[in-house]
């Protein structure tokens, strides 16, 4: 069966994802930084966010992740769609 993790694998192979380190675990995630435009270019996003398949990574508020050598603290975790994917809002440390 084809699942959310398979989509993330394909996106990672295409170079569309960012490696995120959580402890010793490395997971490919969708990463958004505050310089991205939202609302059809009318505003800039204010939050750092990652999206990831829940079968690969489980995060809770207060966890620390590392992206490109920079540490971030998890501020909020939201389940997306059917719960097989999550979005975590991050604060840069």
C-alpha atoms as a PDB file:
ATOM      1  CA  UNK A   1       0.000   0.000   0.000  1.00  0.00           C
ATOM      2  CA  UNK A   2       1.163   3.529  -0.816  1.00  0.00           C
ATOM      3  CA  UNK A   3       1.308   5.900   2.160  1.00  0.00           C
ATOM      4  CA  UNK A   4       2.343   9.372   3.279  1.00  0.00           C
ATOM      5  CA  UNK A   5       5.883   8.198   4.086  1.00  0.00           C
ATOM      6  CA  UNK A   6       6.256   7.024   0.475  1.00  0.00           C
ATOM      7  CA  UNK A   7       5.425  10.545  -0.732  1.00  0.00           C
ATOM      8  CA  UNK A   8       8.063  11.958   1.601  1.00  0.00           C
ATOM      9  CA  UNK A   9      10.596   9.417   0.260  1.00  0.00           C
ATOM     10  CA  UNK A  10       9.881  10.535  -3.320  1.00  0.00           C
ATOM     11  CA  UNK A  11      10.126  14.217  -2.353  1.00  0.00           C
ATOM     12  CA  UNK A  12      13.437  13.559  -0.574  1.00  0.00           C
ATOM     13  CA  UNK A  13      14.857  11.810  -3.642  1.00  0.00           C
ATOM     14  CA  UNK A  14      13.842  14.850  -5.713  1.00  0.00           C
ATOM     15  CA  UNK A  15      15.688  17.147  -3.278  1.00  0.00           C
ATOM     16  CA  UNK A  16      12.520  18.886  -2.068  1.00  0.00           C
ATOM     17  CA  UNK A  17      12.932  18.172   1.655  1.00  0.00           C
ATOM     18  CA  UNK A  18      15.321  19.257   4.392  1.00  0.00           C
ATOM     19  CA  UNK A  19      17.160  16.884   6.756  1.00  0.00           C
ATOM     20  CA  UNK A  20      16.050  17.408  10.366  1.00  0.00           C
ATOM     21  CA  UNK A  21      18.070  15.953  13.229  1.00  0.00           C
ATOM     22  CA  UNK A  22      16.228  14.887  16.387  1.00  0.00           C
ATOM     23  CA  UNK A  23      18.699  13.386  18.847  1.00  0.00           C
ATOM     24  CA  UNK A  24      20.556  10.805  16.752  1.00  0.00           C
ATOM     25  CA  UNK A  25      17.674  10.357  14.288  1.00  0.00           C
ATOM     26  CA  UNK A  26      17.753  12.122  10.897  1.00  0.00           C
ATOM     27  CA  UNK A  27      14.383  12.594   9.125  1.00  0.00           C
ATOM     28  CA  UNK A  28      13.600  14.335   5.824  1.00  0.00           C
ATOM     29  CA  UNK A  29      10.921  17.007   6.425  1.00  0.00           C
ATOM     30  CA  UNK A  30       9.248  19.876   4.669  1.00  0.00           C
ATOM     31  CA  UNK A  31      10.737  23.040   6.206  1.00  0.00           C
ATOM     32  CA  UNK A  32       9.328  26.575   6.061  1.00  0.00           C
ATOM     33  CA  UNK A  33      11.199  29.655   7.219  1.00  0.00           C
ATOM     34  CA  UNK A  34       9.773  33.140   7.937  1.00  0.00           C
ATOM     35  CA  UNK A  35      11.010  34.548   4.641  1.00  0.00           C
ATOM     36  CA  UNK A  36       8.302  32.649   2.713  1.00  0.00           C
ATOM     37  CA  UNK A  37       5.371  34.631   1.407  1.00  0.00           C
ATOM     38  CA  UNK A  38       1.809  33.750   2.355  1.00  0.00           C
ATOM     39  CA  UNK A  39      -1.606  35.126   1.410  1.00  0.00           C
ATOM     40  CA  UNK A  40      -0.679  35.210  -2.269  1.00  0.00           C
ATOM     41  CA  UNK A  41       2.401  37.345  -1.616  1.00  0.00           C
ATOM     42  CA  UNK A  42       0.740  39.909   0.656  1.00  0.00           C
ATOM     43  CA  UNK A  43       2.607  38.918   3.819  1.00  0.00           C
ATOM     44  CA  UNK A  44       5.577  36.948   5.113  1.00  0.00           C
ATOM     45  CA  UNK A  45       5.230  33.834   7.226  1.00  0.00           C
ATOM     46  CA  UNK A  46       6.294  34.453  10.835  1.00  0.00           C
ATOM     47  CA  UNK A  47       6.817  30.885  11.981  1.00  0.00           C
ATOM     48  CA  UNK A  48       9.415  28.236  11.348  1.00  0.00           C
ATOM     49  CA  UNK A  49       7.564  25.003  10.581  1.00  0.00           C
ATOM     50  CA  UNK A  50       8.292  21.438   9.602  1.00  0.00           C
ATOM     51  CA  UNK A  51       5.911  18.836   8.193  1.00  0.00           C
ATOM     52  CA  UNK A  52       6.672  15.153   8.563  1.00  0.00           C
ATOM     53  CA  UNK A  53       5.071  11.685   8.474  1.00  0.00           C
ATOM     54  CA  UNK A  54       4.108  10.506  11.956  1.00  0.00           C
ATOM     55  CA  UNK A  55       5.408   7.003  11.275  1.00  0.00           C
ATOM     56  CA  UNK A  56       8.932   8.444  10.989  1.00  0.00           C
ATOM     57  CA  UNK A  57       8.934  11.024  13.789  1.00  0.00           C
ATOM     58  CA  UNK A  58       6.935  11.894  16.892  1.00  0.00           C
ATOM     59  CA  UNK A  59       7.533  15.303  18.457  1.00  0.00           C
ATOM     60  CA  UNK A  60       6.086  16.958  21.553  1.00  0.00           C
ATOM     61  CA  UNK A  61       6.172  20.563  22.743  1.00  0.00           C
ATOM     62  CA  UNK A  62       9.584  21.340  24.193  1.00  0.00           C
ATOM     63  CA  UNK A  63      11.568  18.918  22.007  1.00  0.00           C
ATOM     64  CA  UNK A  64      14.655  20.301  20.271  1.00  0.00           C
ATOM     65  CA  UNK A  65      15.423  19.707  16.592  1.00  0.00           C
ATOM     66  CA  UNK A  66      18.405  20.748  14.494  1.00  0.00           C
ATOM     67  CA  UNK A  67      18.103  22.020  10.920  1.00  0.00           C
ATOM     68  CA  UNK A  68      21.207  23.005   8.931  1.00  0.00           C
ATOM     69  CA  UNK A  69      23.228  23.376  12.141  1.00  0.00           C
ATOM     70  CA  UNK A  70      20.632  25.633  13.834  1.00  0.00           C
ATOM     71  CA  UNK A  71      18.643  24.463  16.883  1.00  0.00           C
ATOM     72  CA  UNK A  72      14.891  24.991  17.224  1.00  0.00           C
ATOM     73  CA  UNK A  73      12.438  24.268  20.041  1.00  0.00           C
ATOM     74  CA  UNK A  74       9.054  22.729  19.219  1.00  0.00           C
ATOM     75  CA  UNK A  75       6.285  25.182  20.193  1.00  0.00           C
ATOM     76  CA  UNK A  76       3.238  23.332  18.858  1.00  0.00           C
ATOM     77  CA  UNK A  77       2.433  20.066  17.074  1.00  0.00           C
ATOM     78  CA  UNK A  78      -0.681  19.736  14.911  1.00  0.00           C
ATOM     79  CA  UNK A  79      -1.962  16.535  13.287  1.00  0.00           C
ATOM     80  CA  UNK A  80      -2.842  17.041   9.613  1.00  0.00           C
ATOM     81  CA  UNK A  81      -5.600  15.384   7.606  1.00  0.00           C
ATOM     82  CA  UNK A  82      -6.005  11.778   8.825  1.00  0.00           C
ATOM     83  CA  UNK A  83      -3.184  12.045  11.396  1.00  0.00           C
ATOM     84  CA  UNK A  84      -0.528  10.319   9.273  1.00  0.00           C
ATOM     85  CA  UNK A  85       1.267  13.649   8.914  1.00  0.00           C
ATOM     86  CA  UNK A  86       2.053  16.427  11.409  1.00  0.00           C
ATOM     87  CA  UNK A  87       3.137  20.055  11.356  1.00  0.00           C
ATOM     88  CA  UNK A  88       5.365  21.387  14.122  1.00  0.00           C
ATOM     89  CA  UNK A  89       5.809  25.101  14.749  1.00  0.00           C
ATOM     90  CA  UNK A  90       9.323  25.933  15.878  1.00  0.00           C
ATOM     91  CA  UNK A  91      11.139  28.698  17.754  1.00  0.00           C
ATOM     92  CA  UNK A  92      14.738  29.400  16.783  1.00  0.00           C
ATOM     93  CA  UNK A  93      17.171  29.066  19.702  1.00  0.00           C
END
